[in-house]
């Protein structure tokens, strides 16, 4: 049951990401629910699940986008590994640490995307992306993220109670 509900959560996140989030975009920038989910799995689950969720979610995101394949897989997998390692060194509870981790992961995700597109596809993204879109993207994820973390944590606690008995 645990894995079925997790798969349902992933399906819901991708559905929201691809359909309804365009309604609340700011200058064409929307929060990345997949990134928030990967950071959540990295912080609250084992290292294997954190890295695995990053790779799987990255592959799904790459296959659904029309961009360069492998960019999201690399960035989400690395973010999963990085935060799975960092969770033992920092206390990740509360709004400020979660927002900080999400802002840092968003900046890293955006930089990997920018560098990959500019090096492989020879500069199709302007530097305006770095100064306008990337700060809004990281701020947006840092604001929306703690709310999604709360919902995912409550769902995870409920699932653990159901599977325990």
N, C-alpha and C. Protein backbone atom coordinates (compact mmCIF):
# COMPACT_ATOMS: atom_id res chain seq x y z
N UNK A 1 0.82 -1.19 0.00
CA UNK A 1 0.00 0.00 0.00
C UNK A 1 0.87 1.26 0.00
N UNK A 2 1.98 1.18 0.72
CA UNK A 2 2.87 2.33 0.83
C UNK A 2 3.35 2.79 -0.55
N UNK A 3 3.80 1.85 -1.37
CA UNK A 3 4.33 2.20 -2.68
C UNK A 3 3.24 2.63 -3.66
N UNK A 4 2.05 2.11 -3.49
CA UNK A 4 0.93 2.52 -4.33
C UNK A 4 0.57 3.98 -4.05
N UNK A 5 0.53 4.34 -2.77
CA UNK A 5 0.21 5.72 -2.41
C UNK A 5 1.34 6.66 -2.85
N UNK A 6 2.59 6.23 -2.72
CA UNK A 6 3.71 7.06 -3.19
C UNK A 6 3.63 7.28 -4.70
N UNK A 7 3.29 6.23 -5.44
CA UNK A 7 3.12 6.37 -6.89
C UNK A 7 1.96 7.31 -7.21
N UNK A 8 0.89 7.24 -6.44
CA UNK A 8 -0.23 8.14 -6.62
C UNK A 8 0.17 9.59 -6.33
N UNK A 9 0.99 9.80 -5.31
CA UNK A 9 1.48 11.15 -4.99
C UNK A 9 2.31 11.69 -6.15
N UNK A 10 3.17 10.86 -6.71
CA UNK A 10 3.99 11.27 -7.86
C UNK A 10 3.10 11.62 -9.04
N UNK A 11 2.09 10.82 -9.29
CA UNK A 11 1.16 11.08 -10.39
C UNK A 11 0.42 12.41 -10.18
N UNK A 12 -0.02 12.65 -8.96
CA UNK A 12 -0.71 13.91 -8.64
C UNK A 12 0.23 15.10 -8.81
N UNK A 13 1.47 14.98 -8.33
CA UNK A 13 2.43 16.07 -8.47
C UNK A 13 2.72 16.39 -9.93
N UNK A 14 2.91 15.36 -10.74
CA UNK A 14 3.15 15.60 -12.16
C UNK A 14 1.92 16.19 -12.84
N UNK A 15 0.75 15.76 -12.43
CA UNK A 15 -0.48 16.31 -13.01
C UNK A 15 -0.62 17.79 -12.69
N UNK A 16 -0.39 18.13 -11.45
CA UNK A 16 -0.47 19.54 -11.05
C UNK A 16 0.62 20.35 -11.74
N UNK A 17 1.83 19.80 -11.79
CA UNK A 17 2.97 20.49 -12.41
C UNK A 17 2.71 20.81 -13.87
N UNK A 18 2.11 19.90 -14.59
CA UNK A 18 1.95 20.08 -16.03
C UNK A 18 0.65 20.78 -16.42
N UNK A 19 -0.31 20.90 -15.51
CA UNK A 19 -1.58 21.49 -15.91
C UNK A 19 -1.90 22.79 -15.16
N UNK A 20 -2.03 22.74 -13.87
CA UNK A 20 -2.59 23.87 -13.13
C UNK A 20 -1.58 24.91 -12.68
N UNK A 21 -0.32 24.59 -12.63
CA UNK A 21 0.66 25.55 -12.11
C UNK A 21 0.87 26.74 -13.03
N UNK A 22 0.52 26.61 -14.28
CA UNK A 22 0.67 27.74 -15.20
C UNK A 22 -0.25 28.90 -14.80
N UNK A 23 -1.30 28.59 -14.06
CA UNK A 23 -2.24 29.62 -13.61
C UNK A 23 -1.58 30.58 -12.62
N UNK A 24 -0.70 30.06 -11.78
CA UNK A 24 -0.09 30.89 -10.73
C UNK A 24 1.36 31.24 -11.06
N UNK A 25 1.72 31.27 -12.33
CA UNK A 25 3.10 31.59 -12.69
C UNK A 25 3.36 33.08 -12.51
N UNK A 26 4.60 33.39 -12.17
CA UNK A 26 5.06 34.76 -12.05
C UNK A 26 6.13 34.97 -13.12
N UNK A 27 5.86 35.82 -14.07
CA UNK A 27 6.74 36.08 -15.21
C UNK A 27 7.12 34.78 -15.91
N UNK A 28 6.17 33.86 -16.02
CA UNK A 28 6.41 32.59 -16.67
C UNK A 28 7.14 31.57 -15.83
N UNK A 29 7.39 31.86 -14.56
CA UNK A 29 8.12 30.95 -13.67
C UNK A 29 7.13 30.28 -12.73
N UNK A 30 7.20 28.96 -12.65
CA UNK A 30 6.34 28.20 -11.74
C UNK A 30 7.21 27.42 -10.76
N UNK A 31 6.66 27.09 -9.60
CA UNK A 31 7.43 26.25 -8.68
C UNK A 31 7.62 24.84 -9.24
N UNK A 32 8.65 24.18 -8.81
CA UNK A 32 8.96 22.83 -9.28
C UNK A 32 8.58 21.83 -8.19
N UNK A 33 7.39 21.24 -8.32
CA UNK A 33 6.90 20.30 -7.33
C UNK A 33 7.75 19.03 -7.30
N UNK A 34 8.32 18.67 -8.42
CA UNK A 34 9.19 17.49 -8.49
C UNK A 34 10.44 17.72 -7.65
N UNK A 35 11.03 18.88 -7.76
CA UNK A 35 12.21 19.22 -6.96
C UNK A 35 11.88 19.20 -5.47
N UNK A 36 10.74 19.74 -5.11
CA UNK A 36 10.32 19.75 -3.70
C UNK A 36 10.13 18.34 -3.20
N UNK A 37 9.54 17.47 -4.01
CA UNK A 37 9.35 16.07 -3.62
C UNK A 37 10.68 15.35 -3.45
N UNK A 38 11.63 15.61 -4.34
CA UNK A 38 12.95 14.97 -4.24
C UNK A 38 13.67 15.42 -2.97
N UNK A 39 13.62 16.70 -2.66
CA UNK A 39 14.25 17.19 -1.43
C UNK A 39 13.55 16.58 -0.22
N UNK A 40 12.23 16.45 -0.25
CA UNK A 40 11.50 15.83 0.85
C UNK A 40 11.96 14.39 1.05
N UNK A 41 12.00 13.61 -0.02
CA UNK A 41 12.43 12.21 0.08
C UNK A 41 13.87 12.12 0.57
N UNK A 42 14.71 13.04 0.15
CA UNK A 42 16.11 13.02 0.57
C UNK A 42 16.27 13.33 2.04
N UNK A 43 15.43 14.21 2.56
CA UNK A 43 15.54 14.62 3.96
C UNK A 43 14.88 13.62 4.89
N UNK A 44 13.72 13.10 4.53
CA UNK A 44 12.94 12.28 5.45
C UNK A 44 13.00 10.77 5.20
N UNK A 45 13.70 10.35 4.15
CA UNK A 45 13.80 8.92 3.87
C UNK A 45 15.28 8.52 3.85
N UNK A 46 15.54 7.28 3.52
CA UNK A 46 16.92 6.80 3.48
C UNK A 46 17.66 7.40 2.28
N UNK A 47 18.98 7.22 2.29
CA UNK A 47 19.78 7.74 1.19
C UNK A 47 19.40 7.07 -0.13
N UNK A 48 19.13 5.78 -0.08
CA UNK A 48 18.76 5.06 -1.30
C UNK A 48 17.47 5.60 -1.89
N UNK A 49 16.49 5.85 -1.04
CA UNK A 49 15.21 6.38 -1.52
C UNK A 49 15.38 7.82 -2.00
N UNK A 50 16.22 8.61 -1.31
CA UNK A 50 16.45 9.99 -1.73
C UNK A 50 17.08 10.07 -3.11
N UNK A 51 18.15 9.31 -3.31
CA UNK A 51 18.82 9.31 -4.62
C UNK A 51 17.93 8.66 -5.68
N UNK A 52 17.28 7.55 -5.32
CA UNK A 52 16.40 6.87 -6.26
C UNK A 52 15.24 7.74 -6.69
N UNK A 53 14.65 8.46 -5.75
CA UNK A 53 13.55 9.34 -6.14
C UNK A 53 14.04 10.47 -7.03
N UNK A 54 15.24 10.96 -6.78
CA UNK A 54 15.79 12.00 -7.64
C UNK A 54 16.01 11.51 -9.06
N UNK A 55 16.55 10.31 -9.19
CA UNK A 55 16.82 9.77 -10.53
C UNK A 55 15.52 9.44 -11.25
N UNK A 56 14.59 8.78 -10.57
CA UNK A 56 13.32 8.40 -11.20
C UNK A 56 12.51 9.64 -11.58
N UNK A 57 12.43 10.60 -10.67
CA UNK A 57 11.66 11.81 -10.97
C UNK A 57 12.34 12.62 -12.07
N UNK A 58 13.66 12.61 -12.10
CA UNK A 58 14.38 13.31 -13.17
C UNK A 58 14.14 12.67 -14.52
N UNK A 59 14.16 11.33 -14.55
CA UNK A 59 13.89 10.63 -15.82
C UNK A 59 12.47 10.93 -16.29
N UNK A 60 11.51 10.89 -15.37
CA UNK A 60 10.12 11.20 -15.75
C UNK A 60 10.00 12.64 -16.25
N UNK A 61 10.65 13.56 -15.56
CA UNK A 61 10.58 14.95 -15.96
C UNK A 61 11.28 15.17 -17.31
N UNK A 62 12.40 14.49 -17.53
CA UNK A 62 13.09 14.59 -18.83
C UNK A 62 12.24 14.04 -19.96
N UNK A 63 11.58 12.92 -19.71
CA UNK A 63 10.79 12.32 -20.78
C UNK A 63 9.52 13.10 -21.07
N UNK A 64 9.01 13.86 -20.12
CA UNK A 64 7.81 14.67 -20.36
C UNK A 64 8.13 16.04 -20.94
N UNK A 65 9.37 16.49 -20.76
CA UNK A 65 9.74 17.80 -21.31
C UNK A 65 10.34 17.62 -22.69
N UNK A 66 10.35 18.65 -23.45
CA UNK A 66 10.94 18.58 -24.78
C UNK A 66 12.38 19.05 -24.80
N UNK A 67 12.98 19.20 -23.63
CA UNK A 67 14.34 19.73 -23.54
C UNK A 67 15.37 18.62 -23.66
N UNK A 68 16.59 18.97 -23.40
CA UNK A 68 17.72 18.06 -23.44
C UNK A 68 17.52 16.93 -22.44
N UNK A 69 17.60 15.69 -22.90
CA UNK A 69 17.42 14.54 -22.02
C UNK A 69 18.63 14.36 -21.11
N UNK A 70 18.37 14.08 -19.86
CA UNK A 70 19.42 13.81 -18.90
C UNK A 70 19.72 14.96 -17.96
N UNK A 71 19.31 16.16 -18.29
CA UNK A 71 19.60 17.32 -17.44
C UNK A 71 18.86 17.20 -16.11
N UNK A 72 17.58 16.93 -16.17
CA UNK A 72 16.80 16.79 -14.94
C UNK A 72 17.21 15.55 -14.16
N UNK A 73 17.55 14.48 -14.85
CA UNK A 73 18.00 13.26 -14.18
C UNK A 73 19.28 13.53 -13.40
N UNK A 74 20.20 14.22 -14.03
CA UNK A 74 21.46 14.55 -13.35
C UNK A 74 21.23 15.48 -12.16
N UNK A 75 20.49 16.56 -12.37
CA UNK A 75 20.32 17.54 -11.30
C UNK A 75 19.48 16.99 -10.15
N UNK A 76 18.39 16.30 -10.46
CA UNK A 76 17.56 15.75 -9.38
C UNK A 76 18.27 14.62 -8.65
N UNK A 77 19.02 13.79 -9.38
CA UNK A 77 19.78 12.72 -8.74
C UNK A 77 20.86 13.27 -7.83
N UNK A 78 21.56 14.29 -8.31
CA UNK A 78 22.61 14.91 -7.48
C UNK A 78 22.02 15.60 -6.27
N UNK A 79 20.90 16.28 -6.44
CA UNK A 79 20.23 16.95 -5.31
C UNK A 79 19.77 15.91 -4.30
N UNK A 80 19.23 14.78 -4.78
CA UNK A 80 18.84 13.69 -3.88
C UNK A 80 20.02 13.18 -3.08
N UNK A 81 21.16 12.98 -3.74
CA UNK A 81 22.36 12.51 -3.04
C UNK A 81 22.87 13.55 -2.06
N UNK A 82 22.94 14.80 -2.49
CA UNK A 82 23.48 15.88 -1.65
C UNK A 82 22.67 16.07 -0.37
N UNK A 83 21.35 16.12 -0.50
CA UNK A 83 20.53 16.36 0.68
C UNK A 83 20.36 15.10 1.53
N UNK A 84 20.49 13.93 0.93
CA UNK A 84 20.50 12.70 1.73
C UNK A 84 21.74 12.66 2.62
N UNK A 85 22.84 13.18 2.12
CA UNK A 85 24.07 13.23 2.90
C UNK A 85 24.01 14.35 3.94
N UNK A 86 23.45 15.49 3.57
CA UNK A 86 23.41 16.65 4.47
C UNK A 86 22.43 16.50 5.63
N UNK A 87 21.42 15.67 5.48
CA UNK A 87 20.38 15.59 6.51
C UNK A 87 20.93 15.10 7.84
N UNK A 88 22.03 14.35 7.83
CA UNK A 88 22.63 13.89 9.08
C UNK A 88 23.44 14.97 9.77
N UNK A 89 23.82 15.99 9.04
CA UNK A 89 24.67 17.03 9.59
C UNK A 89 23.90 18.27 10.05
N UNK A 90 22.68 18.44 9.55
CA UNK A 90 21.86 19.60 9.89
C UNK A 90 20.50 19.16 10.41
N UNK A 91 19.90 20.01 11.22
CA UNK A 91 18.56 19.78 11.72
C UNK A 91 17.59 20.40 10.72
N UNK A 92 16.83 19.56 10.03
CA UNK A 92 15.95 20.05 8.97
C UNK A 92 14.50 19.96 9.43
N UNK A 93 14.15 20.79 10.35
CA UNK A 93 12.76 20.91 10.81
C UNK A 93 12.44 22.40 10.87
N UNK A 94 11.24 22.74 10.53
CA UNK A 94 10.82 24.13 10.58
C UNK A 94 10.85 24.77 9.21
N UNK A 95 10.24 25.92 9.14
CA UNK A 95 10.05 26.60 7.87
C UNK A 95 11.36 27.15 7.31
N UNK A 96 12.19 27.77 8.15
CA UNK A 96 13.41 28.39 7.64
C UNK A 96 14.43 27.40 7.08
N UNK A 97 14.76 26.31 7.78
CA UNK A 97 15.71 25.37 7.17
C UNK A 97 15.18 24.72 5.89
N UNK A 98 13.91 24.39 5.88
CA UNK A 98 13.32 23.79 4.68
C UNK A 98 13.35 24.79 3.53
N UNK A 99 12.99 26.03 3.79
CA UNK A 99 13.02 27.06 2.75
C UNK A 99 14.44 27.29 2.24
N UNK A 100 15.40 27.31 3.16
CA UNK A 100 16.79 27.50 2.77
C UNK A 100 17.27 26.36 1.88
N UNK A 101 16.99 25.12 2.27
CA UNK A 101 17.40 23.97 1.47
C UNK A 101 16.74 23.98 0.10
N UNK A 102 15.47 24.36 0.05
CA UNK A 102 14.78 24.41 -1.23
C UNK A 102 15.32 25.53 -2.12
N UNK A 103 15.67 26.66 -1.53
CA UNK A 103 16.24 27.76 -2.32
C UNK A 103 17.59 27.35 -2.90
N UNK A 104 18.43 26.71 -2.09
CA UNK A 104 19.74 26.26 -2.57
C UNK A 104 19.58 25.20 -3.66
N UNK A 105 18.69 24.25 -3.44
CA UNK A 105 18.49 23.20 -4.45
C UNK A 105 17.92 23.78 -5.74
N UNK A 106 17.07 24.79 -5.64
CA UNK A 106 16.50 25.43 -6.83
C UNK A 106 17.58 26.17 -7.62
N UNK A 107 18.46 26.86 -6.90
CA UNK A 107 19.56 27.54 -7.58
C UNK A 107 20.46 26.54 -8.30
N UNK A 108 20.78 25.45 -7.63
CA UNK A 108 21.62 24.42 -8.24
C UNK A 108 20.93 23.81 -9.46
N UNK A 109 19.66 23.49 -9.33
CA UNK A 109 18.90 22.91 -10.44
C UNK A 109 18.88 23.87 -11.63
N UNK A 110 18.64 25.13 -11.38
CA UNK A 110 18.61 26.12 -12.45
C UNK A 110 19.97 26.32 -13.11
N UNK A 111 21.03 26.30 -12.30
CA UNK A 111 22.37 26.46 -12.86
C UNK A 111 22.76 25.27 -13.74
N UNK A 112 22.42 24.07 -13.31
CA UNK A 112 22.70 22.89 -14.13
C UNK A 112 21.95 22.98 -15.45
N UNK A 113 20.69 23.38 -15.39
CA UNK A 113 19.90 23.54 -16.61
C UNK A 113 20.52 24.59 -17.53
N UNK A 114 20.88 25.73 -16.97
CA UNK A 114 21.46 26.82 -17.75
C UNK A 114 22.78 26.41 -18.41
N UNK A 115 23.67 25.81 -17.62
CA UNK A 115 24.97 25.41 -18.15
C UNK A 115 24.85 24.29 -19.19
N UNK A 116 23.94 23.36 -18.95
CA UNK A 116 23.76 22.26 -19.90
C UNK A 116 23.22 22.76 -21.24
N UNK A 117 22.23 23.59 -21.18
CA UNK A 117 21.63 24.10 -22.41
C UNK A 117 22.63 24.99 -23.15
N UNK A 118 23.38 25.81 -22.43
CA UNK A 118 24.32 26.71 -23.09
C UNK A 118 25.53 25.99 -23.66
N UNK A 119 25.97 24.91 -23.03
CA UNK A 119 27.14 24.22 -23.56
C UNK A 119 26.77 23.22 -24.65
N UNK A 120 25.71 22.46 -24.42
CA UNK A 120 25.34 21.43 -25.40
C UNK A 120 24.60 22.03 -26.59
N UNK A 121 23.68 22.92 -26.32
CA UNK A 121 22.89 23.51 -27.40
C UNK A 121 23.41 24.88 -27.85
N UNK A 122 24.59 25.22 -27.41
CA UNK A 122 25.31 26.42 -27.84
C UNK A 122 24.54 27.72 -27.61
N UNK A 123 24.14 27.94 -26.38
CA UNK A 123 23.64 29.24 -25.97
C UNK A 123 22.27 29.65 -26.41
N UNK A 124 21.29 28.82 -26.20
CA UNK A 124 19.92 29.19 -26.55
C UNK A 124 19.21 29.92 -25.42
N UNK A 125 19.80 29.98 -24.24
CA UNK A 125 19.20 30.69 -23.11
C UNK A 125 20.06 31.91 -22.81
N UNK A 126 19.43 33.05 -22.67
CA UNK A 126 20.17 34.27 -22.39
C UNK A 126 20.56 34.34 -20.92
N UNK A 127 21.46 35.24 -20.61
CA UNK A 127 21.87 35.41 -19.21
C UNK A 127 20.77 36.05 -18.37
N UNK A 128 19.75 36.59 -19.01
CA UNK A 128 18.61 37.14 -18.28
C UNK A 128 17.97 36.08 -17.40
N UNK A 129 18.07 34.82 -17.83
CA UNK A 129 17.56 33.69 -17.03
C UNK A 129 18.21 33.68 -15.65
N UNK A 130 19.52 33.93 -15.60
CA UNK A 130 20.25 33.90 -14.32
C UNK A 130 19.83 35.03 -13.39
N UNK A 131 19.52 36.19 -13.94
CA UNK A 131 19.24 37.36 -13.11
C UNK A 131 17.76 37.59 -12.82
N UNK A 132 16.88 37.11 -13.69
CA UNK A 132 15.46 37.33 -13.47
C UNK A 132 14.71 36.06 -13.08
N UNK A 133 14.80 35.04 -13.89
CA UNK A 133 13.99 33.84 -13.66
C UNK A 133 14.49 32.98 -12.52
N UNK A 134 15.80 32.78 -12.41
CA UNK A 134 16.35 31.89 -11.39
C UNK A 134 16.08 32.36 -9.97
N UNK A 135 16.24 33.65 -9.63
CA UNK A 135 15.89 34.08 -8.27
C UNK A 135 14.40 33.92 -7.96
N UNK A 136 13.54 34.19 -8.94
CA UNK A 136 12.10 34.02 -8.73
C UNK A 136 11.78 32.54 -8.53
N UNK A 137 12.41 31.68 -9.32
CA UNK A 137 12.23 30.23 -9.22
C UNK A 137 12.63 29.72 -7.85
N UNK A 138 13.78 30.14 -7.35
CA UNK A 138 14.23 29.65 -6.04
C UNK A 138 13.37 30.24 -4.92
N UNK A 139 12.99 31.49 -5.03
CA UNK A 139 12.13 32.10 -4.01
C UNK A 139 10.75 31.44 -3.99
N UNK A 140 10.23 31.17 -5.16
CA UNK A 140 8.91 30.53 -5.29
C UNK A 140 8.92 29.14 -4.65
N UNK A 141 9.96 28.37 -4.95
CA UNK A 141 10.07 27.03 -4.34
C UNK A 141 10.25 27.12 -2.83
N UNK A 142 10.99 28.12 -2.36
CA UNK A 142 11.20 28.29 -0.92
C UNK A 142 9.92 28.68 -0.20
N UNK A 143 9.02 29.37 -0.88
CA UNK A 143 7.75 29.78 -0.27
C UNK A 143 6.73 28.65 -0.30
N UNK A 144 6.59 27.99 -1.44
CA UNK A 144 5.60 26.92 -1.61
C UNK A 144 6.05 25.63 -0.92
N UNK A 145 7.35 25.39 -0.87
CA UNK A 145 7.91 24.14 -0.38
C UNK A 145 7.50 23.72 1.02
N UNK A 146 7.58 24.60 2.03
CA UNK A 146 7.20 24.16 3.38
C UNK A 146 5.75 23.68 3.49
N UNK A 147 4.86 24.26 2.71
CA UNK A 147 3.47 23.81 2.73
C UNK A 147 3.37 22.39 2.16
N UNK A 148 4.08 22.16 1.05
CA UNK A 148 4.07 20.83 0.44
C UNK A 148 4.78 19.83 1.35
N UNK A 149 5.86 20.26 2.01
CA UNK A 149 6.55 19.40 2.98
C UNK A 149 5.59 18.96 4.08
N UNK A 150 4.79 19.89 4.58
CA UNK A 150 3.83 19.58 5.64
C UNK A 150 2.82 18.54 5.17
N UNK A 151 2.29 18.72 3.97
CA UNK A 151 1.31 17.77 3.44
C UNK A 151 1.96 16.40 3.22
N UNK A 152 3.16 16.40 2.65
CA UNK A 152 3.85 15.13 2.41
C UNK A 152 4.25 14.44 3.71
N UNK A 153 4.63 15.22 4.71
CA UNK A 153 5.01 14.63 6.01
C UNK A 153 3.79 14.02 6.70
N UNK A 154 2.67 14.71 6.66
CA UNK A 154 1.44 14.15 7.25
C UNK A 154 1.02 12.88 6.52
N UNK A 155 1.12 12.89 5.19
CA UNK A 155 0.79 11.71 4.41
C UNK A 155 1.74 10.56 4.71
N UNK A 156 3.03 10.87 4.83
CA UNK A 156 4.03 9.86 5.14
C UNK A 156 3.80 9.26 6.53
N UNK A 157 3.49 10.10 7.51
CA UNK A 157 3.19 9.60 8.87
C UNK A 157 1.95 8.72 8.87
N UNK A 158 0.92 9.11 8.14
CA UNK A 158 -0.30 8.32 8.05
C UNK A 158 -0.02 6.97 7.39
N UNK A 159 0.80 6.97 6.34
CA UNK A 159 1.14 5.72 5.66
C UNK A 159 1.95 4.79 6.58
N UNK A 160 2.85 5.35 7.34
CA UNK A 160 3.65 4.54 8.24
C UNK A 160 2.78 3.92 9.34
N UNK A 161 1.78 4.66 9.81
CA UNK A 161 0.85 4.11 10.80
C UNK A 161 0.01 2.98 10.20
N UNK A 162 -0.44 3.18 8.97
CA UNK A 162 -1.27 2.16 8.31
C UNK A 162 -0.48 0.90 8.01
N UNK A 163 0.78 1.03 7.62
CA UNK A 163 1.57 -0.15 7.28
C UNK A 163 2.15 -0.83 8.51
N UNK A 164 2.16 -0.14 9.63
CA UNK A 164 2.71 -0.73 10.86
C UNK A 164 1.76 -1.78 11.43
N UNK A 165 0.48 -1.55 11.26
CA UNK A 165 -0.50 -2.47 11.87
C UNK A 165 -1.10 -3.40 10.87
